[in-house]
Amino acid sequence: MKLLLSLLSFVIVSQYASAQRLDLFNSHGTEKTPYSKTCSFYDFLPEGNSADSTIDRQAYYFLYFELPFDVSEIGVRLISPVPSYSFAEAGDKVTDAFENNKKSTEYFNPWIALEKRVTTDSTGTELPFPIWQIFAKNDDSEELISQPSGSNSNSLVRVYFETYTSGIYRIRFKASQKRIAEGSYLVQIGTTPGVKRLKVSRTIKGLAEE
């Protein structure tokens, strides 16, 4: 009887733990194949923080990553707050701000855009200053876990209609329903083919220090 109860307890705990795992980040298509390599970035934005930029009276934040070679697909998802059952793995990025605020319950409703830094025009002539080419944007994704409010307000984009050349890309994000974003968030980036050690930073300068 004790053995039976122990087995039942093991099954229940195992099923609960499985249910609590963050779903793998899948590429597009009906087969739901996970990206072979995914880089996660764990961060926390404190109350009253300063945004990276203000555009049309909206506060925006930036996260940069650098592709060392051309890829056929890029996927980005932003989840807030960071689920308590999500843990960083080797190669992931975890900021001190997140480490110091793991128990915070603050979160925001994210809007995201995927952009690339462009330094030359179509003829190869150097531009007087870099511009950012937007590929995709998203506010609410039903594919992701819901927020504590119960709403499917986390965000996801995938692009796969062309070749995405090597270079610097930017994830631009904001809080949809607040003046500034506050709370913990997790950004995951996947590509096809996968990048073994993707450089990710809140600043372009930080990419050079990776």
N, C-alpha and C. Protein backbone atom coordinates (compact mmCIF):
# COMPACT_ATOMS: atom_id res chain seq x y z
N MET A 1 0.83 -1.21 0.00
CA MET A 1 0.00 0.00 0.00
C MET A 1 0.86 1.26 0.00
N LYS A 2 1.91 1.23 0.84
CA LYS A 2 2.81 2.38 0.90
C LYS A 2 3.50 2.59 -0.44
N LEU A 3 3.87 1.45 -1.09
CA LEU A 3 4.52 1.54 -2.38
C LEU A 3 3.59 2.15 -3.42
N LEU A 4 2.31 1.77 -3.36
CA LEU A 4 1.32 2.30 -4.29
C LEU A 4 1.13 3.80 -4.08
N LEU A 5 1.04 4.23 -2.82
CA LEU A 5 0.88 5.65 -2.52
C LEU A 5 2.10 6.44 -2.97
N SER A 6 3.28 5.86 -2.80
CA SER A 6 4.51 6.54 -3.22
C SER A 6 4.53 6.71 -4.73
N LEU A 7 4.10 5.66 -5.46
CA LEU A 7 4.07 5.73 -6.91
C LEU A 7 3.07 6.77 -7.38
N LEU A 8 1.89 6.82 -6.74
CA LEU A 8 0.87 7.81 -7.10
C LEU A 8 1.38 9.22 -6.84
N SER A 9 2.06 9.41 -5.72
CA SER A 9 2.60 10.73 -5.40
C SER A 9 3.64 11.15 -6.42
N PHE A 10 4.48 10.20 -6.83
CA PHE A 10 5.51 10.50 -7.83
C PHE A 10 4.89 10.91 -9.16
N VAL A 11 3.84 10.20 -9.56
CA VAL A 11 3.16 10.52 -10.82
C VAL A 11 2.54 11.89 -10.77
N ILE A 12 1.87 12.22 -9.65
CA ILE A 12 1.20 13.52 -9.51
C ILE A 12 2.22 14.65 -9.53
N VAL A 13 3.30 14.48 -8.77
CA VAL A 13 4.35 15.52 -8.72
C VAL A 13 4.98 15.68 -10.08
N SER A 14 5.26 14.55 -10.79
CA SER A 14 5.89 14.62 -12.11
C SER A 14 5.00 15.33 -13.10
N GLN A 15 3.68 15.03 -13.05
CA GLN A 15 2.75 15.68 -13.97
C GLN A 15 2.65 17.17 -13.68
N TYR A 16 2.66 17.54 -12.39
CA TYR A 16 2.59 18.95 -12.01
C TYR A 16 3.82 19.69 -12.49
N ALA A 17 4.99 19.06 -12.27
CA ALA A 17 6.25 19.70 -12.69
C ALA A 17 6.28 19.89 -14.19
N SER A 18 5.79 18.87 -14.92
CA SER A 18 5.75 18.97 -16.37
C SER A 18 4.84 20.09 -16.82
N ALA A 19 3.69 20.22 -16.13
CA ALA A 19 2.72 21.25 -16.49
C ALA A 19 3.27 22.64 -16.22
N GLN A 20 4.21 22.73 -15.26
CA GLN A 20 4.75 24.02 -14.86
C GLN A 20 5.94 24.46 -15.69
N ARG A 21 6.42 23.59 -16.59
CA ARG A 21 7.55 23.98 -17.42
C ARG A 21 7.11 25.00 -18.48
N LEU A 22 8.01 25.91 -18.80
CA LEU A 22 7.75 26.83 -19.89
C LEU A 22 7.83 26.07 -21.20
N ASP A 23 6.82 26.23 -22.06
CA ASP A 23 6.81 25.52 -23.33
C ASP A 23 8.06 25.83 -24.14
N LEU A 24 8.55 24.83 -24.88
CA LEU A 24 9.67 25.06 -25.77
C LEU A 24 9.28 26.09 -26.83
N PHE A 25 10.27 26.84 -27.28
CA PHE A 25 10.02 27.88 -28.29
C PHE A 25 10.12 27.23 -29.65
N ASN A 26 8.98 27.11 -30.33
CA ASN A 26 8.93 26.43 -31.61
C ASN A 26 9.07 27.39 -32.79
N SER A 27 9.63 26.86 -33.87
CA SER A 27 9.70 27.62 -35.11
C SER A 27 8.33 27.57 -35.79
N HIS A 28 8.17 28.28 -36.91
CA HIS A 28 6.87 28.31 -37.57
C HIS A 28 6.59 26.97 -38.26
N GLY A 29 5.37 26.77 -38.65
CA GLY A 29 5.00 25.53 -39.33
C GLY A 29 4.10 24.68 -38.47
N THR A 30 3.55 23.63 -39.08
CA THR A 30 2.58 22.77 -38.38
C THR A 30 3.25 21.70 -37.54
N GLU A 31 4.53 21.43 -37.75
CA GLU A 31 5.20 20.35 -37.02
C GLU A 31 5.65 20.77 -35.63
N LYS A 32 5.63 22.07 -35.33
CA LYS A 32 6.00 22.58 -34.01
C LYS A 32 7.38 22.08 -33.57
N THR A 33 8.35 22.31 -34.44
CA THR A 33 9.73 21.92 -34.14
C THR A 33 10.42 23.02 -33.35
N PRO A 34 10.96 22.72 -32.16
CA PRO A 34 11.65 23.76 -31.39
C PRO A 34 12.90 24.26 -32.10
N TYR A 35 13.22 25.53 -31.89
CA TYR A 35 14.49 26.05 -32.39
C TYR A 35 15.62 25.23 -31.77
N SER A 36 16.63 24.91 -32.57
CA SER A 36 17.74 24.09 -32.07
C SER A 36 18.55 24.81 -31.00
N LYS A 37 18.62 26.12 -31.10
CA LYS A 37 19.33 26.94 -30.11
C LYS A 37 18.45 28.13 -29.75
N THR A 38 18.26 28.35 -28.46
CA THR A 38 17.48 29.49 -27.99
C THR A 38 18.26 30.21 -26.91
N CYS A 39 18.37 31.53 -27.03
CA CYS A 39 19.04 32.34 -26.01
C CYS A 39 17.99 33.07 -25.19
N SER A 40 18.09 32.98 -23.86
CA SER A 40 17.13 33.64 -22.97
C SER A 40 17.81 34.80 -22.25
N PHE A 41 17.05 35.87 -22.09
CA PHE A 41 17.54 37.07 -21.41
C PHE A 41 16.57 37.41 -20.29
N TYR A 42 17.05 37.33 -19.03
CA TYR A 42 16.23 37.60 -17.85
C TYR A 42 16.58 38.98 -17.31
N ASP A 43 15.56 39.81 -17.12
CA ASP A 43 15.84 41.17 -16.66
C ASP A 43 14.67 41.69 -15.81
N PHE A 44 14.91 42.79 -15.14
CA PHE A 44 13.89 43.44 -14.30
C PHE A 44 13.99 44.94 -14.47
N LEU A 45 12.85 45.58 -14.68
CA LEU A 45 12.79 47.03 -14.79
C LEU A 45 12.15 47.58 -13.51
N PRO A 46 12.91 48.36 -12.73
CA PRO A 46 12.40 48.85 -11.45
C PRO A 46 11.37 49.97 -11.60
N GLU A 47 10.68 50.24 -10.53
CA GLU A 47 9.70 51.32 -10.51
C GLU A 47 10.39 52.66 -10.78
N GLY A 48 9.80 53.47 -11.63
CA GLY A 48 10.35 54.78 -11.93
C GLY A 48 11.60 54.77 -12.78
N ASN A 49 11.83 53.69 -13.54
CA ASN A 49 13.03 53.60 -14.36
C ASN A 49 12.99 54.59 -15.53
N SER A 50 14.14 54.79 -16.15
CA SER A 50 14.25 55.66 -17.32
C SER A 50 14.27 54.81 -18.58
N ALA A 51 13.38 55.08 -19.50
CA ALA A 51 13.33 54.33 -20.75
C ALA A 51 14.53 54.65 -21.62
N ASP A 52 14.81 53.79 -22.59
CA ASP A 52 15.93 54.01 -23.50
C ASP A 52 15.63 55.12 -24.50
N SER A 53 14.36 55.30 -24.83
CA SER A 53 13.97 56.33 -25.78
C SER A 53 12.49 56.64 -25.63
N THR A 54 12.12 57.85 -26.05
CA THR A 54 10.71 58.23 -26.07
C THR A 54 10.34 58.61 -27.50
N ILE A 55 9.37 57.89 -28.06
CA ILE A 55 8.92 58.12 -29.44
C ILE A 55 7.42 58.35 -29.41
N ASP A 56 6.98 59.50 -29.92
CA ASP A 56 5.56 59.84 -29.90
C ASP A 56 4.97 59.70 -28.50
N ARG A 57 5.73 60.18 -27.53
CA ARG A 57 5.33 60.18 -26.12
C ARG A 57 5.18 58.78 -25.52
N GLN A 58 5.75 57.79 -26.21
CA GLN A 58 5.76 56.42 -25.71
C GLN A 58 7.17 56.06 -25.24
N ALA A 59 7.27 55.43 -24.07
CA ALA A 59 8.56 55.02 -23.53
C ALA A 59 8.95 53.66 -24.09
N TYR A 60 10.12 53.59 -24.74
CA TYR A 60 10.59 52.34 -25.36
C TYR A 60 11.88 51.87 -24.72
N TYR A 61 12.06 50.55 -24.76
CA TYR A 61 13.26 49.90 -24.24
C TYR A 61 13.86 49.06 -25.37
N PHE A 62 15.18 48.89 -25.34
CA PHE A 62 15.86 48.18 -26.42
C PHE A 62 16.65 46.99 -25.88
N LEU A 63 16.66 45.93 -26.67
CA LEU A 63 17.52 44.78 -26.42
C LEU A 63 18.15 44.40 -27.76
N TYR A 64 19.47 44.36 -27.80
CA TYR A 64 20.19 44.13 -29.05
C TYR A 64 20.76 42.70 -29.09
N PHE A 65 20.82 42.15 -30.30
CA PHE A 65 21.55 40.89 -30.49
C PHE A 65 22.24 40.92 -31.84
N GLU A 66 23.29 40.12 -31.96
CA GLU A 66 24.11 40.15 -33.18
C GLU A 66 24.14 38.76 -33.82
N LEU A 67 23.74 38.70 -35.08
CA LEU A 67 23.81 37.45 -35.84
C LEU A 67 25.17 37.35 -36.52
N PRO A 68 25.93 36.28 -36.27
CA PRO A 68 27.25 36.14 -36.90
C PRO A 68 27.18 35.62 -38.33
N PHE A 69 26.01 35.12 -38.74
CA PHE A 69 25.83 34.61 -40.11
C PHE A 69 24.37 34.75 -40.51
N ASP A 70 24.09 34.55 -41.79
CA ASP A 70 22.73 34.68 -42.30
C ASP A 70 21.84 33.55 -41.77
N VAL A 71 20.57 33.87 -41.54
CA VAL A 71 19.60 32.86 -41.08
C VAL A 71 18.33 32.97 -41.92
N SER A 72 17.52 31.93 -41.90
CA SER A 72 16.27 31.92 -42.67
C SER A 72 15.06 32.23 -41.80
N GLU A 73 15.24 32.24 -40.49
CA GLU A 73 14.12 32.53 -39.59
C GLU A 73 14.63 33.10 -38.28
N ILE A 74 13.87 34.06 -37.74
CA ILE A 74 14.14 34.61 -36.41
C ILE A 74 12.83 34.61 -35.64
N GLY A 75 12.87 34.12 -34.41
CA GLY A 75 11.72 34.16 -33.53
C GLY A 75 12.07 34.86 -32.24
N VAL A 76 11.18 35.71 -31.76
CA VAL A 76 11.39 36.44 -30.50
C VAL A 76 10.11 36.39 -29.69
N ARG A 77 10.20 36.05 -28.42
CA ARG A 77 9.04 36.14 -27.55
C ARG A 77 9.42 36.82 -26.24
N LEU A 78 8.50 37.63 -25.74
CA LEU A 78 8.72 38.37 -24.48
C LEU A 78 7.58 38.01 -23.53
N ILE A 79 7.96 37.54 -22.35
CA ILE A 79 7.01 37.09 -21.34
C ILE A 79 7.23 37.90 -20.06
N SER A 80 6.15 38.44 -19.51
CA SER A 80 6.22 39.19 -18.25
C SER A 80 4.99 38.85 -17.40
N PRO A 81 5.19 38.53 -16.11
CA PRO A 81 6.47 38.42 -15.41
C PRO A 81 7.17 37.11 -15.77
N VAL A 82 8.43 36.99 -15.34
CA VAL A 82 9.16 35.74 -15.56
C VAL A 82 8.50 34.66 -14.70
N PRO A 83 8.07 33.55 -15.30
CA PRO A 83 7.46 32.47 -14.50
C PRO A 83 8.43 31.94 -13.45
N SER A 84 7.91 31.60 -12.28
CA SER A 84 8.76 31.11 -11.19
C SER A 84 9.42 29.79 -11.53
N TYR A 85 8.89 29.08 -12.52
CA TYR A 85 9.43 27.77 -12.90
C TYR A 85 10.35 27.86 -14.12
N SER A 86 10.73 29.07 -14.51
CA SER A 86 11.66 29.25 -15.62
C SER A 86 13.04 29.58 -15.06
N PHE A 87 14.03 28.81 -15.48
CA PHE A 87 15.39 28.97 -14.96
C PHE A 87 16.39 29.11 -16.11
N ALA A 88 17.40 29.94 -15.88
CA ALA A 88 18.43 30.16 -16.90
C ALA A 88 19.27 28.90 -17.09
N GLU A 89 19.70 28.69 -18.33
CA GLU A 89 20.58 27.58 -18.66
C GLU A 89 21.91 28.13 -19.16
N ALA A 90 22.84 27.25 -19.42
CA ALA A 90 24.17 27.68 -19.89
C ALA A 90 24.02 28.51 -21.16
N GLY A 91 24.68 29.66 -21.17
CA GLY A 91 24.62 30.55 -22.33
C GLY A 91 23.55 31.62 -22.24
N ASP A 92 22.61 31.50 -21.30
CA ASP A 92 21.58 32.51 -21.12
C ASP A 92 22.15 33.72 -20.38
N LYS A 93 21.44 34.84 -20.46
CA LYS A 93 21.88 36.09 -19.83
C LYS A 93 20.93 36.43 -18.67
N VAL A 94 21.50 36.70 -17.52
CA VAL A 94 20.71 37.06 -16.34
C VAL A 94 21.31 38.33 -15.74
N THR A 95 20.53 39.40 -15.65
CA THR A 95 21.04 40.66 -15.12
C THR A 95 21.01 40.67 -13.59
N ASP A 96 21.83 41.53 -13.00
CA ASP A 96 21.82 41.69 -11.55
C ASP A 96 20.46 42.19 -11.08
N ALA A 97 19.83 43.04 -11.88
CA ALA A 97 18.52 43.57 -11.51
C ALA A 97 17.51 42.44 -11.35
N PHE A 98 17.58 41.45 -12.23
CA PHE A 98 16.66 40.32 -12.11
C PHE A 98 16.99 39.48 -10.88
N GLU A 99 18.29 39.20 -10.68
CA GLU A 99 18.71 38.39 -9.53
C GLU A 99 18.25 39.02 -8.22
N ASN A 100 18.28 40.34 -8.15
CA ASN A 100 17.92 41.05 -6.93
C ASN A 100 16.42 41.23 -6.74
N ASN A 101 15.64 40.86 -7.74
CA ASN A 101 14.18 41.07 -7.67
C ASN A 101 13.39 39.84 -8.10
N LYS A 102 13.95 38.67 -7.88
CA LYS A 102 13.32 37.43 -8.32
C LYS A 102 11.92 37.24 -7.73
N LYS A 103 11.71 37.73 -6.53
CA LYS A 103 10.43 37.50 -5.84
C LYS A 103 9.39 38.56 -6.16
N SER A 104 9.75 39.53 -6.96
CA SER A 104 8.79 40.60 -7.31
C SER A 104 7.64 40.02 -8.14
N THR A 105 6.46 40.54 -7.91
CA THR A 105 5.28 40.12 -8.68
C THR A 105 4.89 41.15 -9.73
N GLU A 106 5.70 42.19 -9.88
CA GLU A 106 5.39 43.24 -10.85
C GLU A 106 5.57 42.73 -12.28
N TYR A 107 4.71 43.19 -13.17
CA TYR A 107 4.82 42.81 -14.58
C TYR A 107 4.16 43.88 -15.44
N PHE A 108 4.34 43.76 -16.76
CA PHE A 108 3.73 44.72 -17.67
C PHE A 108 3.20 44.00 -18.90
N ASN A 109 2.34 44.66 -19.62
CA ASN A 109 1.75 44.12 -20.85
C ASN A 109 2.66 44.53 -22.01
N PRO A 110 3.44 43.61 -22.57
CA PRO A 110 4.46 44.01 -23.55
C PRO A 110 3.96 44.12 -24.99
N TRP A 111 4.52 45.09 -25.68
CA TRP A 111 4.43 45.23 -27.14
C TRP A 111 5.85 45.15 -27.64
N ILE A 112 6.09 44.38 -28.72
CA ILE A 112 7.46 44.24 -29.21
C ILE A 112 7.54 44.45 -30.72
N ALA A 113 8.73 44.85 -31.17
CA ALA A 113 9.03 44.96 -32.60
C ALA A 113 10.44 44.43 -32.83
N LEU A 114 10.63 43.75 -33.96
CA LEU A 114 11.95 43.25 -34.35
C LEU A 114 12.49 44.12 -35.47
N GLU A 115 13.71 44.65 -35.28
CA GLU A 115 14.29 45.58 -36.24
C GLU A 115 15.76 45.20 -36.51
N LYS A 116 16.27 45.70 -37.66
CA LYS A 116 17.69 45.49 -37.98
C LYS A 116 18.38 46.83 -38.23
N ARG A 117 19.61 46.92 -37.79
CA ARG A 117 20.42 48.12 -38.00
C ARG A 117 20.95 48.13 -39.43
N VAL A 118 20.61 49.16 -40.18
CA VAL A 118 21.01 49.28 -41.59
C VAL A 118 21.97 50.46 -41.73
N THR A 119 23.13 50.22 -42.34
CA THR A 119 24.14 51.26 -42.46
C THR A 119 24.44 51.67 -43.90
N THR A 120 23.87 50.92 -44.89
CA THR A 120 24.09 51.26 -46.30
C THR A 120 22.77 51.23 -47.04
N ASP A 121 22.70 51.94 -48.16
CA ASP A 121 21.48 51.91 -48.98
C ASP A 121 21.54 50.72 -49.94
N SER A 122 20.56 50.63 -50.84
CA SER A 122 20.46 49.48 -51.75
C SER A 122 21.64 49.37 -52.71
N THR A 123 22.38 50.47 -52.91
CA THR A 123 23.54 50.44 -53.81
C THR A 123 24.83 50.16 -53.06
N GLY A 124 24.74 50.03 -51.74
CA GLY A 124 25.94 49.79 -50.95
C GLY A 124 26.61 51.05 -50.45
N THR A 125 26.01 52.20 -50.73
CA THR A 125 26.58 53.48 -50.27
C THR A 125 26.30 53.67 -48.78
N GLU A 126 27.33 54.11 -48.07
CA GLU A 126 27.20 54.31 -46.63
C GLU A 126 26.19 55.41 -46.33
N LEU A 127 25.28 55.13 -45.41
CA LEU A 127 24.30 56.12 -44.98
C LEU A 127 24.95 57.12 -44.03
N PRO A 128 24.43 58.36 -43.99
CA PRO A 128 25.02 59.35 -43.07
C PRO A 128 24.87 58.95 -41.60
N PHE A 129 23.85 58.17 -41.31
CA PHE A 129 23.66 57.63 -39.96
C PHE A 129 22.83 56.35 -40.08
N PRO A 130 23.00 55.39 -39.16
CA PRO A 130 22.26 54.12 -39.25
C PRO A 130 20.75 54.34 -39.08
N ILE A 131 19.97 53.48 -39.74
CA ILE A 131 18.53 53.48 -39.56
C ILE A 131 18.11 52.08 -39.11
N TRP A 132 16.89 51.98 -38.60
CA TRP A 132 16.38 50.69 -38.12
C TRP A 132 15.22 50.25 -39.00
N GLN A 133 15.41 49.10 -39.64
CA GLN A 133 14.38 48.52 -40.51
C GLN A 133 13.52 47.57 -39.69
N ILE A 134 12.21 47.82 -39.66
CA ILE A 134 11.32 46.97 -38.88
C ILE A 134 10.84 45.79 -39.71
N PHE A 135 10.89 44.60 -39.12
CA PHE A 135 10.45 43.38 -39.80
C PHE A 135 9.07 42.91 -39.32
N ALA A 136 8.81 43.04 -38.02
CA ALA A 136 7.55 42.54 -37.48
C ALA A 136 7.28 43.17 -36.12
N LYS A 137 6.01 43.17 -35.72
CA LYS A 137 5.63 43.67 -34.40
C LYS A 137 4.43 42.88 -33.89
N ASN A 138 4.26 42.88 -32.57
CA ASN A 138 3.15 42.13 -31.98
C ASN A 138 2.82 42.70 -30.61
N ASP A 139 1.54 42.63 -30.27
CA ASP A 139 1.10 43.08 -28.95
C ASP A 139 0.68 41.90 -28.08
N ASP A 140 -0.32 41.16 -28.50
CA ASP A 140 -0.84 40.04 -27.71
C ASP A 140 -0.77 38.75 -28.52
N SER A 141 -0.23 37.68 -27.92
CA SER A 141 -0.12 36.40 -28.61
C SER A 141 -0.84 35.31 -27.80
N GLU A 142 -1.81 34.67 -28.42
CA GLU A 142 -2.53 33.57 -27.78
C GLU A 142 -1.67 32.31 -27.68
N GLU A 143 -0.53 32.32 -28.35
CA GLU A 143 0.37 31.15 -28.32
C GLU A 143 1.13 31.04 -27.02
N LEU A 144 1.25 32.15 -26.29
CA LEU A 144 2.06 32.18 -25.07
C LEU A 144 1.21 32.03 -23.82
N ILE A 145 1.88 31.74 -22.70
CA ILE A 145 1.18 31.63 -21.43
C ILE A 145 0.52 32.96 -21.09
N SER A 146 -0.57 32.88 -20.34
CA SER A 146 -1.28 34.10 -19.96
C SER A 146 -0.56 34.80 -18.81
N GLN A 147 -0.86 36.06 -18.63
CA GLN A 147 -0.31 36.82 -17.51
C GLN A 147 -1.15 36.55 -16.26
N PRO A 148 -0.70 36.99 -15.08
CA PRO A 148 -1.47 36.76 -13.86
C PRO A 148 -2.91 37.28 -13.94
N SER A 149 -3.15 38.26 -14.80
CA SER A 149 -4.50 38.80 -14.96
C SER A 149 -5.42 37.81 -15.68
N GLY A 150 -4.81 36.80 -16.32
CA GLY A 150 -5.58 35.84 -17.11
C GLY A 150 -5.62 36.17 -18.58
N SER A 151 -5.10 37.32 -18.96
CA SER A 151 -5.11 37.75 -20.36
C SER A 151 -3.90 37.21 -21.11
N ASN A 152 -4.10 36.92 -22.40
CA ASN A 152 -2.99 36.49 -23.26
C ASN A 152 -2.29 37.73 -23.81
N SER A 153 -1.53 38.39 -22.96
CA SER A 153 -0.95 39.69 -23.31
C SER A 153 0.54 39.65 -23.58
N ASN A 154 1.17 38.48 -23.46
CA ASN A 154 2.59 38.40 -23.80
C ASN A 154 2.75 38.43 -25.32
N SER A 155 3.98 38.69 -25.79
CA SER A 155 4.17 39.01 -27.21
C SER A 155 5.17 38.07 -27.90
N LEU A 156 4.93 37.83 -29.19
CA LEU A 156 5.77 36.94 -29.98
C LEU A 156 5.78 37.38 -31.43
N VAL A 157 6.97 37.34 -32.05
CA VAL A 157 7.09 37.56 -33.49
C VAL A 157 7.97 36.48 -34.09
N ARG A 158 7.65 36.10 -35.33
CA ARG A 158 8.51 35.22 -36.13
C ARG A 158 8.60 35.81 -37.53
N VAL A 159 9.78 35.80 -38.09
CA VAL A 159 9.95 36.24 -39.48
C VAL A 159 10.67 35.13 -40.23
N TYR A 160 10.16 34.81 -41.43
CA TYR A 160 10.73 33.68 -42.18
C TYR A 160 10.46 33.79 -43.67
N PHE A 161 10.28 35.01 -44.17
CA PHE A 161 9.95 35.21 -45.58
C PHE A 161 11.15 35.53 -46.45
N GLU A 162 12.33 35.67 -45.85
CA GLU A 162 13.51 36.05 -46.62
C GLU A 162 14.76 35.61 -45.87
N THR A 163 15.92 35.95 -46.42
CA THR A 163 17.17 35.70 -45.71
C THR A 163 17.48 36.89 -44.82
N TYR A 164 17.76 36.63 -43.55
CA TYR A 164 18.07 37.69 -42.59
C TYR A 164 19.58 37.67 -42.39
N THR A 165 20.20 38.70 -42.92
CA THR A 165 21.66 38.72 -43.01
C THR A 165 22.31 39.00 -41.66
N SER A 166 23.58 38.65 -41.58
CA SER A 166 24.34 38.88 -40.35
C SER A 166 24.35 40.38 -40.02
N GLY A 167 24.50 40.68 -38.74
CA GLY A 167 24.51 42.07 -38.32
C GLY A 167 23.81 42.25 -36.99
N ILE A 168 23.56 43.51 -36.66
CA ILE A 168 22.96 43.86 -35.37
C ILE A 168 21.46 44.04 -35.52
N TYR A 169 20.73 43.36 -34.65
CA TYR A 169 19.27 43.46 -34.61
C TYR A 169 18.84 44.05 -33.27
N ARG A 170 17.62 44.58 -33.26
CA ARG A 170 17.11 45.21 -32.04
C ARG A 170 15.68 44.76 -31.76
N ILE A 171 15.43 44.43 -30.52
CA ILE A 171 14.07 44.19 -30.05
C ILE A 171 13.64 45.46 -29.33
N ARG A 172 12.66 46.13 -29.90
CA ARG A 172 12.14 47.35 -29.29
C ARG A 172 10.83 46.98 -28.57
N PHE A 173 10.73 47.34 -27.29
CA PHE A 173 9.52 46.97 -26.56
C PHE A 173 9.06 48.08 -25.63
N LYS A 174 7.80 47.97 -25.26
CA LYS A 174 7.19 48.97 -24.37
C LYS A 174 6.07 48.30 -23.59
N ALA A 175 5.53 49.03 -22.63
CA ALA A 175 4.33 48.59 -21.91
C ALA A 175 3.11 49.14 -22.63
N SER A 176 2.18 48.27 -22.98
CA SER A 176 1.02 48.71 -23.76
C SER A 176 0.07 49.61 -22.98
N GLN A 177 -0.07 49.37 -21.70
CA GLN A 177 -1.09 50.06 -20.93
C GLN A 177 -0.54 50.94 -19.81
N LYS A 178 0.77 51.16 -19.81
CA LYS A 178 1.37 52.01 -18.79
C LYS A 178 2.33 52.99 -19.46
N ARG A 179 2.67 54.04 -18.74
CA ARG A 179 3.61 55.02 -19.29
C ARG A 179 5.00 54.40 -19.43
N ILE A 180 5.41 53.64 -18.43
CA ILE A 180 6.71 52.95 -18.49
C ILE A 180 6.51 51.48 -18.12
N ALA A 181 7.44 50.65 -18.56
CA ALA A 181 7.40 49.23 -18.23
C ALA A 181 8.07 49.00 -16.89
N GLU A 182 7.43 48.23 -16.03
CA GLU A 182 7.98 47.92 -14.71
C GLU A 182 7.73 46.44 -14.41
N GLY A 183 8.76 45.78 -13.88
CA GLY A 183 8.62 44.38 -13.51
C GLY A 183 9.61 43.48 -14.21
N SER A 184 9.51 42.18 -13.96
CA SER A 184 10.42 41.22 -14.57
C SER A 184 9.94 40.82 -15.95
N TYR A 185 10.90 40.44 -16.79
CA TYR A 185 10.54 39.97 -18.13
C TYR A 185 11.60 39.00 -18.64
N LEU A 186 11.16 38.12 -19.52
CA LEU A 186 12.04 37.14 -20.15
C LEU A 186 11.91 37.28 -21.66
N VAL A 187 13.03 37.49 -22.32
CA VAL A 187 13.07 37.51 -23.79
C VAL A 187 13.80 36.26 -24.26
N GLN A 188 13.20 35.55 -25.20
CA GLN A 188 13.85 34.39 -25.80
C GLN A 188 13.97 34.60 -27.30
N ILE A 189 15.14 34.28 -27.83
CA ILE A 189 15.45 34.47 -29.25
C ILE A 189 15.87 33.13 -29.84
N GLY A 190 15.21 32.74 -30.92
CA GLY A 190 15.57 31.52 -31.63
C GLY A 190 15.80 31.81 -33.10
N THR A 191 16.68 31.08 -33.73
CA THR A 191 16.96 31.27 -35.16
C THR A 191 17.10 29.92 -35.86
N THR A 192 16.95 29.96 -37.18
CA THR A 192 17.20 28.79 -38.03
C THR A 192 18.18 29.21 -39.14
N PRO A 193 19.39 28.61 -39.17
CA PRO A 193 19.94 27.67 -38.19
C PRO A 193 20.24 28.36 -36.86
N GLY A 194 20.44 27.57 -35.81
CA GLY A 194 20.67 28.13 -34.49
C GLY A 194 22.06 28.73 -34.33
N VAL A 195 22.14 29.72 -33.46
CA VAL A 195 23.42 30.35 -33.12
C VAL A 195 23.85 29.82 -31.76
N LYS A 196 25.03 29.24 -31.69
CA LYS A 196 25.47 28.56 -30.47
C LYS A 196 25.59 29.52 -29.29
N ARG A 197 26.27 30.63 -29.48
CA ARG A 197 26.42 31.61 -28.39
C ARG A 197 26.03 32.98 -28.94
N LEU A 198 24.76 33.29 -28.86
CA LEU A 198 24.24 34.54 -29.39
C LEU A 198 24.62 35.70 -28.46
N LYS A 199 25.15 36.76 -29.05
CA LYS A 199 25.48 37.95 -28.25
C LYS A 199 24.22 38.78 -28.04
N VAL A 200 23.89 39.06 -26.78
CA VAL A 200 22.68 39.81 -26.43
C VAL A 200 23.04 40.84 -25.37
N SER A 201 22.54 42.07 -25.53
CA SER A 201 22.85 43.13 -24.56
C SER A 201 21.80 44.23 -24.64
N ARG A 202 21.64 44.96 -23.55
CA ARG A 202 20.73 46.11 -23.54
C ARG A 202 21.32 47.30 -24.30
N THR A 203 22.60 47.25 -24.66
CA THR A 203 23.23 48.33 -25.42
C THR A 203 24.07 47.76 -26.56
N ILE A 204 24.26 48.55 -27.62
CA ILE A 204 25.12 48.11 -28.73
C ILE A 204 26.56 47.95 -28.23
N LYS A 205 26.99 48.89 -27.39
CA LYS A 205 28.34 48.80 -26.84
C LYS A 205 28.55 47.49 -26.08
N GLY A 206 27.47 47.06 -25.40
CA GLY A 206 27.57 45.83 -24.62
C GLY A 206 27.80 44.60 -25.48
N LEU A 207 27.35 44.63 -26.75
CA LEU A 207 27.57 43.50 -27.65
C LEU A 207 29.06 43.27 -27.87
N ALA A 208 29.81 44.34 -27.97
CA ALA A 208 31.26 44.24 -28.20
C ALA A 208 31.98 43.66 -26.98
N GLU A 209 31.33 43.74 -25.82
CA GLU A 209 31.95 43.25 -24.60
C GLU A 209 31.56 41.81 -24.29
N GLU A 210 30.69 41.25 -25.11
CA GLU A 210 30.26 39.85 -24.89
C GLU A 210 31.38 38.87 -25.20
